[in-house]
Amino acid sequence: MRSTIKALIMTYGFHHVHIKTHDPKSVADWFGNAFGFEIVIDAERASGDRIIRCALGANQPPFIVITSPVPGQDLPEGRTHQSLGLEHFALTTDDVPAAADRLVELGAVLVDGPTTAPDGTVMAFLTVPGDVRIELVHFPTGV
């Protein structure tokens, strides 16, 4: 009982999203160009894979971590359609339609939206390099 209570009062913070791809540098460059992420680590690990960590500044979370497969690792292709498990991650913006148009110009594919929910929330879903599905979202004041 004591450990359950302790777990309920612990605080958590968001640290990173991990993308695995055959070309970490091009995916990192795309996220940098699209969202302003800066590469703060680009290295080969002892396991033989490449790791690139990108941050929105000051080398502080949240991060986008992009790695290649470990040599010899056979991974299935990514899925950018709705599915069980991790389906997408979301980034906020003040202008979803303009942000979506800009990302499409950078090579993303718009797959849904922009749409406006009854509470005024505006959202769009895109497929971006690295076989990743993202959501752009704008929450109206008070939501």
N, C-alpha and C. Protein backbone atom coordinates (compact mmCIF):
# COMPACT_ATOMS: atom_id res chain seq x y z
N MET A 1 0.83 -1.20 0.00
CA MET A 1 0.00 0.00 0.00
C MET A 1 0.86 1.24 0.00
N ARG A 2 1.93 1.25 0.79
CA ARG A 2 2.80 2.41 0.90
C ARG A 2 3.39 2.79 -0.46
N SER A 3 3.88 1.80 -1.25
CA SER A 3 4.48 2.12 -2.54
C SER A 3 3.45 2.67 -3.51
N THR A 4 2.20 2.19 -3.44
CA THR A 4 1.14 2.70 -4.30
C THR A 4 0.87 4.16 -3.99
N ILE A 5 0.80 4.51 -2.73
CA ILE A 5 0.57 5.91 -2.35
C ILE A 5 1.74 6.77 -2.80
N LYS A 6 2.94 6.30 -2.60
CA LYS A 6 4.11 7.06 -3.03
C LYS A 6 4.08 7.30 -4.54
N ALA A 7 3.72 6.30 -5.31
CA ALA A 7 3.67 6.45 -6.76
C ALA A 7 2.64 7.50 -7.17
N LEU A 8 1.56 7.59 -6.41
CA LEU A 8 0.51 8.55 -6.75
C LEU A 8 0.94 9.99 -6.50
N ILE A 9 1.92 10.22 -5.64
CA ILE A 9 2.33 11.59 -5.36
C ILE A 9 3.63 11.98 -6.06
N MET A 10 4.24 11.05 -6.81
CA MET A 10 5.44 11.38 -7.55
C MET A 10 5.10 12.30 -8.71
N THR A 11 6.03 13.12 -9.09
CA THR A 11 5.83 13.98 -10.25
C THR A 11 6.63 13.44 -11.43
N TYR A 12 6.15 13.71 -12.62
CA TYR A 12 6.79 13.25 -13.83
C TYR A 12 6.92 14.41 -14.81
N GLY A 13 7.88 14.31 -15.69
CA GLY A 13 8.06 15.29 -16.75
C GLY A 13 8.29 14.56 -18.05
N PHE A 14 8.02 15.23 -19.13
CA PHE A 14 8.22 14.63 -20.45
C PHE A 14 9.65 14.86 -20.89
N HIS A 15 10.32 13.80 -21.35
CA HIS A 15 11.73 13.90 -21.72
C HIS A 15 11.97 13.83 -23.22
N HIS A 16 11.50 12.75 -23.91
CA HIS A 16 11.82 12.65 -25.33
C HIS A 16 10.85 11.77 -26.09
N VAL A 17 10.89 11.94 -27.40
CA VAL A 17 10.27 11.04 -28.37
C VAL A 17 11.43 10.39 -29.11
N HIS A 18 11.37 9.08 -29.32
CA HIS A 18 12.46 8.35 -29.98
C HIS A 18 11.97 7.88 -31.35
N ILE A 19 12.72 8.27 -32.38
CA ILE A 19 12.43 7.86 -33.75
C ILE A 19 13.58 6.98 -34.22
N LYS A 20 13.26 5.82 -34.76
CA LYS A 20 14.29 4.94 -35.31
C LYS A 20 14.13 4.94 -36.83
N THR A 21 15.23 5.20 -37.54
CA THR A 21 15.20 5.35 -38.99
C THR A 21 16.52 4.90 -39.59
N HIS A 22 16.50 4.61 -40.87
CA HIS A 22 17.73 4.23 -41.57
C HIS A 22 18.61 5.44 -41.86
N ASP A 23 18.06 6.65 -41.78
CA ASP A 23 18.83 7.86 -42.10
C ASP A 23 18.60 8.92 -41.02
N PRO A 24 19.22 8.75 -39.84
CA PRO A 24 18.98 9.68 -38.73
C PRO A 24 19.31 11.13 -39.06
N LYS A 25 20.36 11.37 -39.81
CA LYS A 25 20.78 12.75 -40.08
C LYS A 25 19.74 13.50 -40.91
N SER A 26 19.20 12.85 -41.95
CA SER A 26 18.22 13.56 -42.76
C SER A 26 16.93 13.83 -41.97
N VAL A 27 16.54 12.88 -41.10
CA VAL A 27 15.35 13.10 -40.27
C VAL A 27 15.62 14.23 -39.26
N ALA A 28 16.80 14.23 -38.64
CA ALA A 28 17.16 15.30 -37.70
C ALA A 28 17.18 16.65 -38.41
N ASP A 29 17.74 16.69 -39.60
CA ASP A 29 17.77 17.95 -40.36
C ASP A 29 16.36 18.42 -40.69
N TRP A 30 15.47 17.48 -41.01
CA TRP A 30 14.09 17.85 -41.33
C TRP A 30 13.41 18.46 -40.11
N PHE A 31 13.55 17.81 -38.95
CA PHE A 31 12.94 18.35 -37.73
C PHE A 31 13.56 19.69 -37.36
N GLY A 32 14.83 19.87 -37.62
CA GLY A 32 15.46 21.17 -37.38
C GLY A 32 14.89 22.25 -38.27
N ASN A 33 14.76 21.95 -39.54
CA ASN A 33 14.22 22.91 -40.49
C ASN A 33 12.75 23.19 -40.23
N ALA A 34 12.00 22.15 -39.90
CA ALA A 34 10.56 22.30 -39.71
C ALA A 34 10.18 22.97 -38.40
N PHE A 35 10.89 22.63 -37.30
CA PHE A 35 10.45 23.06 -35.98
C PHE A 35 11.51 23.80 -35.17
N GLY A 36 12.71 23.93 -35.70
CA GLY A 36 13.75 24.65 -34.97
C GLY A 36 14.53 23.79 -33.99
N PHE A 37 14.38 22.46 -34.05
CA PHE A 37 15.19 21.60 -33.20
C PHE A 37 16.66 21.73 -33.60
N GLU A 38 17.54 21.74 -32.61
CA GLU A 38 18.98 21.81 -32.84
C GLU A 38 19.61 20.49 -32.44
N ILE A 39 20.57 20.02 -33.24
CA ILE A 39 21.29 18.80 -32.89
C ILE A 39 22.24 19.11 -31.74
N VAL A 40 22.09 18.38 -30.64
CA VAL A 40 22.97 18.59 -29.48
C VAL A 40 23.90 17.40 -29.25
N ILE A 41 23.56 16.26 -29.83
CA ILE A 41 24.45 15.08 -29.79
C ILE A 41 24.33 14.39 -31.14
N ASP A 42 25.46 14.03 -31.73
CA ASP A 42 25.49 13.21 -32.94
C ASP A 42 26.68 12.28 -32.77
N ALA A 43 26.41 11.02 -32.47
CA ALA A 43 27.50 10.10 -32.13
C ALA A 43 27.15 8.68 -32.53
N GLU A 44 28.19 7.86 -32.63
CA GLU A 44 28.00 6.42 -32.79
C GLU A 44 28.16 5.78 -31.42
N ARG A 45 27.19 4.95 -31.04
CA ARG A 45 27.25 4.30 -29.74
C ARG A 45 28.06 3.00 -29.83
N ALA A 46 28.43 2.47 -28.70
CA ALA A 46 29.20 1.22 -28.64
C ALA A 46 28.45 0.09 -29.33
N SER A 47 27.13 0.16 -29.35
CA SER A 47 26.32 -0.86 -30.00
C SER A 47 26.37 -0.78 -31.52
N GLY A 48 26.99 0.29 -32.05
CA GLY A 48 27.15 0.44 -33.49
C GLY A 48 26.08 1.26 -34.16
N ASP A 49 25.08 1.71 -33.43
CA ASP A 49 24.05 2.54 -34.04
C ASP A 49 24.41 4.02 -33.87
N ARG A 50 23.83 4.85 -34.70
CA ARG A 50 24.02 6.30 -34.63
C ARG A 50 22.90 6.89 -33.80
N ILE A 51 23.27 7.81 -32.91
CA ILE A 51 22.26 8.51 -32.10
C ILE A 51 22.41 10.00 -32.35
N ILE A 52 21.29 10.64 -32.63
CA ILE A 52 21.24 12.09 -32.75
C ILE A 52 20.17 12.56 -31.79
N ARG A 53 20.55 13.48 -30.91
CA ARG A 53 19.57 14.06 -29.99
C ARG A 53 19.37 15.51 -30.39
N CYS A 54 18.12 15.89 -30.55
CA CYS A 54 17.75 17.25 -30.94
C CYS A 54 16.94 17.89 -29.81
N ALA A 55 17.18 19.17 -29.58
CA ALA A 55 16.46 19.90 -28.53
C ALA A 55 15.96 21.22 -29.11
N LEU A 56 14.99 21.79 -28.43
CA LEU A 56 14.45 23.09 -28.84
C LEU A 56 15.28 24.24 -28.28
N GLY A 57 16.44 23.95 -27.74
CA GLY A 57 17.33 24.97 -27.23
C GLY A 57 17.82 24.65 -25.85
N ALA A 58 18.99 25.11 -25.54
CA ALA A 58 19.60 24.99 -24.21
C ALA A 58 19.81 23.54 -23.77
N ASN A 59 19.79 22.59 -24.71
CA ASN A 59 20.05 21.19 -24.41
C ASN A 59 19.19 20.69 -23.25
N GLN A 60 17.93 21.10 -23.23
CA GLN A 60 16.98 20.70 -22.19
C GLN A 60 15.82 19.95 -22.81
N PRO A 61 15.22 19.00 -22.09
CA PRO A 61 14.05 18.30 -22.63
C PRO A 61 12.90 19.28 -22.83
N PRO A 62 11.98 18.96 -23.73
CA PRO A 62 11.83 17.68 -24.43
C PRO A 62 12.79 17.56 -25.61
N PHE A 63 13.20 16.34 -25.86
CA PHE A 63 14.11 16.03 -26.95
C PHE A 63 13.40 15.19 -28.00
N ILE A 64 13.94 15.22 -29.20
CA ILE A 64 13.65 14.22 -30.21
C ILE A 64 14.95 13.42 -30.32
N VAL A 65 14.89 12.13 -30.06
CA VAL A 65 16.05 11.25 -30.17
C VAL A 65 15.85 10.42 -31.43
N ILE A 66 16.85 10.44 -32.30
CA ILE A 66 16.75 9.75 -33.59
C ILE A 66 17.93 8.79 -33.68
N THR A 67 17.64 7.51 -33.88
CA THR A 67 18.71 6.53 -33.97
C THR A 67 18.53 5.66 -35.21
N SER A 68 19.64 5.08 -35.62
CA SER A 68 19.59 4.06 -36.67
C SER A 68 19.42 2.70 -36.02
N PRO A 69 19.04 1.70 -36.79
CA PRO A 69 19.01 0.36 -36.20
C PRO A 69 20.42 -0.07 -35.79
N VAL A 70 20.50 -0.91 -34.79
CA VAL A 70 21.77 -1.52 -34.40
C VAL A 70 22.18 -2.43 -35.56
N PRO A 71 23.47 -2.46 -35.92
CA PRO A 71 23.88 -3.35 -37.02
C PRO A 71 23.34 -4.76 -36.83
N GLY A 72 22.75 -5.30 -37.90
CA GLY A 72 22.17 -6.63 -37.88
C GLY A 72 20.73 -6.66 -37.42
N GLN A 73 20.22 -5.56 -36.93
CA GLN A 73 18.83 -5.50 -36.45
C GLN A 73 17.89 -5.40 -37.64
N ASP A 74 16.91 -6.26 -37.69
CA ASP A 74 15.93 -6.29 -38.77
C ASP A 74 14.62 -5.73 -38.23
N LEU A 75 14.26 -4.54 -38.67
CA LEU A 75 13.06 -3.89 -38.16
C LEU A 75 12.02 -3.75 -39.27
N PRO A 76 10.75 -3.89 -38.95
CA PRO A 76 9.72 -3.65 -39.96
C PRO A 76 9.66 -2.16 -40.30
N GLU A 77 9.10 -1.85 -41.45
CA GLU A 77 8.91 -0.45 -41.83
C GLU A 77 7.96 0.22 -40.84
N GLY A 78 8.10 1.54 -40.71
CA GLY A 78 7.23 2.29 -39.82
C GLY A 78 5.81 2.35 -40.36
N ARG A 79 4.88 2.67 -39.47
CA ARG A 79 3.48 2.82 -39.86
C ARG A 79 3.04 4.22 -39.51
N THR A 80 2.48 4.91 -40.48
CA THR A 80 2.05 6.28 -40.22
C THR A 80 0.53 6.41 -40.26
N HIS A 81 -0.16 5.29 -40.25
CA HIS A 81 -1.63 5.32 -40.17
C HIS A 81 -2.05 5.01 -38.74
N GLN A 82 -3.31 5.25 -38.44
CA GLN A 82 -3.80 4.99 -37.10
C GLN A 82 -3.62 3.52 -36.77
N SER A 83 -3.17 3.26 -35.55
CA SER A 83 -2.95 1.89 -35.11
C SER A 83 -2.94 1.85 -33.60
N LEU A 84 -2.95 0.65 -33.06
CA LEU A 84 -2.79 0.50 -31.62
C LEU A 84 -1.35 0.82 -31.24
N GLY A 85 -1.12 1.11 -30.00
CA GLY A 85 0.22 1.49 -29.56
C GLY A 85 0.42 2.98 -29.75
N LEU A 86 1.67 3.42 -29.77
CA LEU A 86 1.95 4.83 -29.98
C LEU A 86 1.50 5.21 -31.38
N GLU A 87 0.54 6.08 -31.47
CA GLU A 87 -0.08 6.41 -32.74
C GLU A 87 0.50 7.70 -33.33
N HIS A 88 0.79 8.67 -32.50
CA HIS A 88 1.38 9.92 -32.97
C HIS A 88 1.86 10.71 -31.76
N PHE A 89 2.60 11.79 -32.02
CA PHE A 89 2.83 12.77 -30.97
C PHE A 89 2.41 14.12 -31.51
N ALA A 90 2.09 15.06 -30.62
CA ALA A 90 1.50 16.33 -31.01
C ALA A 90 2.41 17.50 -30.65
N LEU A 91 2.36 18.51 -31.52
CA LEU A 91 3.06 19.77 -31.28
C LEU A 91 2.03 20.89 -31.37
N THR A 92 2.10 21.85 -30.46
CA THR A 92 1.16 22.96 -30.48
C THR A 92 1.66 24.05 -31.41
N THR A 93 0.73 24.79 -31.96
CA THR A 93 1.03 25.93 -32.83
C THR A 93 -0.14 26.89 -32.77
N ASP A 94 0.11 28.14 -33.06
CA ASP A 94 -0.96 29.14 -33.06
C ASP A 94 -1.81 29.11 -34.33
N ASP A 95 -1.28 28.56 -35.42
CA ASP A 95 -1.98 28.58 -36.71
C ASP A 95 -1.80 27.22 -37.39
N VAL A 96 -2.70 26.30 -37.11
CA VAL A 96 -2.58 24.94 -37.63
C VAL A 96 -2.59 24.90 -39.15
N PRO A 97 -3.53 25.58 -39.84
CA PRO A 97 -3.52 25.50 -41.31
C PRO A 97 -2.21 26.02 -41.92
N ALA A 98 -1.70 27.13 -41.43
CA ALA A 98 -0.45 27.68 -41.98
C ALA A 98 0.72 26.76 -41.67
N ALA A 99 0.76 26.21 -40.45
CA ALA A 99 1.85 25.30 -40.08
C ALA A 99 1.79 24.04 -40.92
N ALA A 100 0.59 23.51 -41.15
CA ALA A 100 0.45 22.31 -41.97
C ALA A 100 0.90 22.58 -43.40
N ASP A 101 0.50 23.72 -43.96
CA ASP A 101 0.93 24.07 -45.32
C ASP A 101 2.45 24.16 -45.40
N ARG A 102 3.07 24.76 -44.41
CA ARG A 102 4.53 24.90 -44.39
C ARG A 102 5.21 23.54 -44.34
N LEU A 103 4.70 22.64 -43.50
CA LEU A 103 5.31 21.31 -43.39
C LEU A 103 5.13 20.51 -44.67
N VAL A 104 3.99 20.67 -45.34
CA VAL A 104 3.79 20.00 -46.63
C VAL A 104 4.83 20.51 -47.63
N GLU A 105 5.10 21.80 -47.63
CA GLU A 105 6.14 22.34 -48.51
C GLU A 105 7.51 21.75 -48.21
N LEU A 106 7.72 21.32 -46.95
CA LEU A 106 8.99 20.72 -46.54
C LEU A 106 9.02 19.20 -46.75
N GLY A 107 7.94 18.64 -47.28
CA GLY A 107 7.94 17.21 -47.58
C GLY A 107 7.01 16.36 -46.75
N ALA A 108 6.29 16.95 -45.81
CA ALA A 108 5.31 16.18 -45.04
C ALA A 108 4.10 15.89 -45.92
N VAL A 109 3.30 14.93 -45.50
CA VAL A 109 2.06 14.60 -46.21
C VAL A 109 0.91 14.83 -45.25
N LEU A 110 -0.02 15.69 -45.64
CA LEU A 110 -1.21 15.95 -44.84
C LEU A 110 -2.14 14.75 -44.98
N VAL A 111 -2.51 14.13 -43.86
CA VAL A 111 -3.37 12.94 -43.92
C VAL A 111 -4.77 13.19 -43.34
N ASP A 112 -4.93 14.26 -42.56
CA ASP A 112 -6.25 14.55 -42.01
C ASP A 112 -6.28 15.99 -41.50
N GLY A 113 -7.29 16.73 -41.91
CA GLY A 113 -7.48 18.08 -41.40
C GLY A 113 -6.90 19.13 -42.32
N PRO A 114 -6.80 20.32 -41.81
CA PRO A 114 -7.17 20.77 -40.47
C PRO A 114 -8.68 20.69 -40.23
N THR A 115 -9.02 20.30 -39.00
CA THR A 115 -10.41 20.24 -38.58
C THR A 115 -10.54 21.00 -37.27
N THR A 116 -11.77 21.46 -37.02
CA THR A 116 -12.04 22.20 -35.79
C THR A 116 -13.06 21.42 -34.97
N ALA A 117 -12.70 21.11 -33.73
CA ALA A 117 -13.60 20.40 -32.82
C ALA A 117 -14.65 21.37 -32.27
N PRO A 118 -15.72 20.85 -31.70
CA PRO A 118 -16.78 21.71 -31.15
C PRO A 118 -16.27 22.72 -30.11
N ASP A 119 -15.21 22.40 -29.37
CA ASP A 119 -14.70 23.34 -28.38
C ASP A 119 -13.75 24.38 -28.97
N GLY A 120 -13.53 24.34 -30.30
CA GLY A 120 -12.65 25.30 -30.96
C GLY A 120 -11.23 24.81 -31.17
N THR A 121 -10.89 23.63 -30.67
CA THR A 121 -9.56 23.07 -30.88
C THR A 121 -9.39 22.77 -32.37
N VAL A 122 -8.28 23.21 -32.94
CA VAL A 122 -7.97 22.97 -34.35
C VAL A 122 -6.83 21.97 -34.41
N MET A 123 -6.97 20.95 -35.29
CA MET A 123 -5.94 19.92 -35.38
C MET A 123 -5.76 19.45 -36.81
N ALA A 124 -4.55 18.95 -37.08
CA ALA A 124 -4.24 18.33 -38.37
C ALA A 124 -3.21 17.23 -38.11
N PHE A 125 -3.27 16.18 -38.92
CA PHE A 125 -2.33 15.07 -38.81
C PHE A 125 -1.51 14.98 -40.08
N LEU A 126 -0.21 14.76 -39.89
CA LEU A 126 0.71 14.67 -41.03
C LEU A 126 1.64 13.48 -40.86
N THR A 127 2.09 12.96 -41.98
CA THR A 127 3.16 11.97 -42.01
C THR A 127 4.44 12.74 -42.35
N VAL A 128 5.48 12.54 -41.54
CA VAL A 128 6.73 13.27 -41.73
C VAL A 128 7.87 12.27 -41.90
N PRO A 129 9.04 12.74 -42.38
CA PRO A 129 10.17 11.83 -42.58
C PRO A 129 10.47 11.00 -41.33
N GLY A 130 10.91 9.77 -41.58
CA GLY A 130 11.18 8.84 -40.50
C GLY A 130 9.99 7.94 -40.22
N ASP A 131 8.98 7.96 -41.12
CA ASP A 131 7.75 7.18 -40.92
C ASP A 131 7.10 7.53 -39.59
N VAL A 132 6.87 8.82 -39.38
CA VAL A 132 6.32 9.32 -38.13
C VAL A 132 5.03 10.08 -38.42
N ARG A 133 4.04 9.85 -37.59
CA ARG A 133 2.76 10.58 -37.68
C ARG A 133 2.75 11.61 -36.57
N ILE A 134 2.51 12.87 -36.93
CA ILE A 134 2.43 13.93 -35.92
C ILE A 134 1.09 14.64 -36.04
N GLU A 135 0.72 15.28 -34.95
CA GLU A 135 -0.47 16.11 -34.92
C GLU A 135 -0.03 17.53 -34.64
N LEU A 136 -0.58 18.47 -35.38
CA LEU A 136 -0.46 19.88 -35.04
C LEU A 136 -1.77 20.26 -34.37
N VAL A 137 -1.69 20.99 -33.27
CA VAL A 137 -2.91 21.30 -32.53
C VAL A 137 -2.84 22.71 -31.97
N HIS A 138 -3.98 23.38 -31.99
CA HIS A 138 -4.12 24.68 -31.33
C HIS A 138 -5.34 24.60 -30.42
N PHE A 139 -5.10 24.88 -29.13
CA PHE A 139 -6.19 24.87 -28.14
C PHE A 139 -6.66 26.31 -27.94
N PRO A 140 -7.95 26.54 -28.03
CA PRO A 140 -8.45 27.88 -27.76
C PRO A 140 -8.23 28.25 -26.30
N THR A 141 -8.23 29.51 -26.00
CA THR A 141 -8.04 29.98 -24.63
C THR A 141 -9.05 29.32 -23.72
N GLY A 142 -8.55 28.80 -22.60
CA GLY A 142 -9.42 28.20 -21.61
C GLY A 142 -9.64 26.72 -21.77
N VAL A 143 -9.11 26.13 -22.83
CA VAL A 143 -9.30 24.68 -23.03
C VAL A 143 -8.07 23.95 -22.58
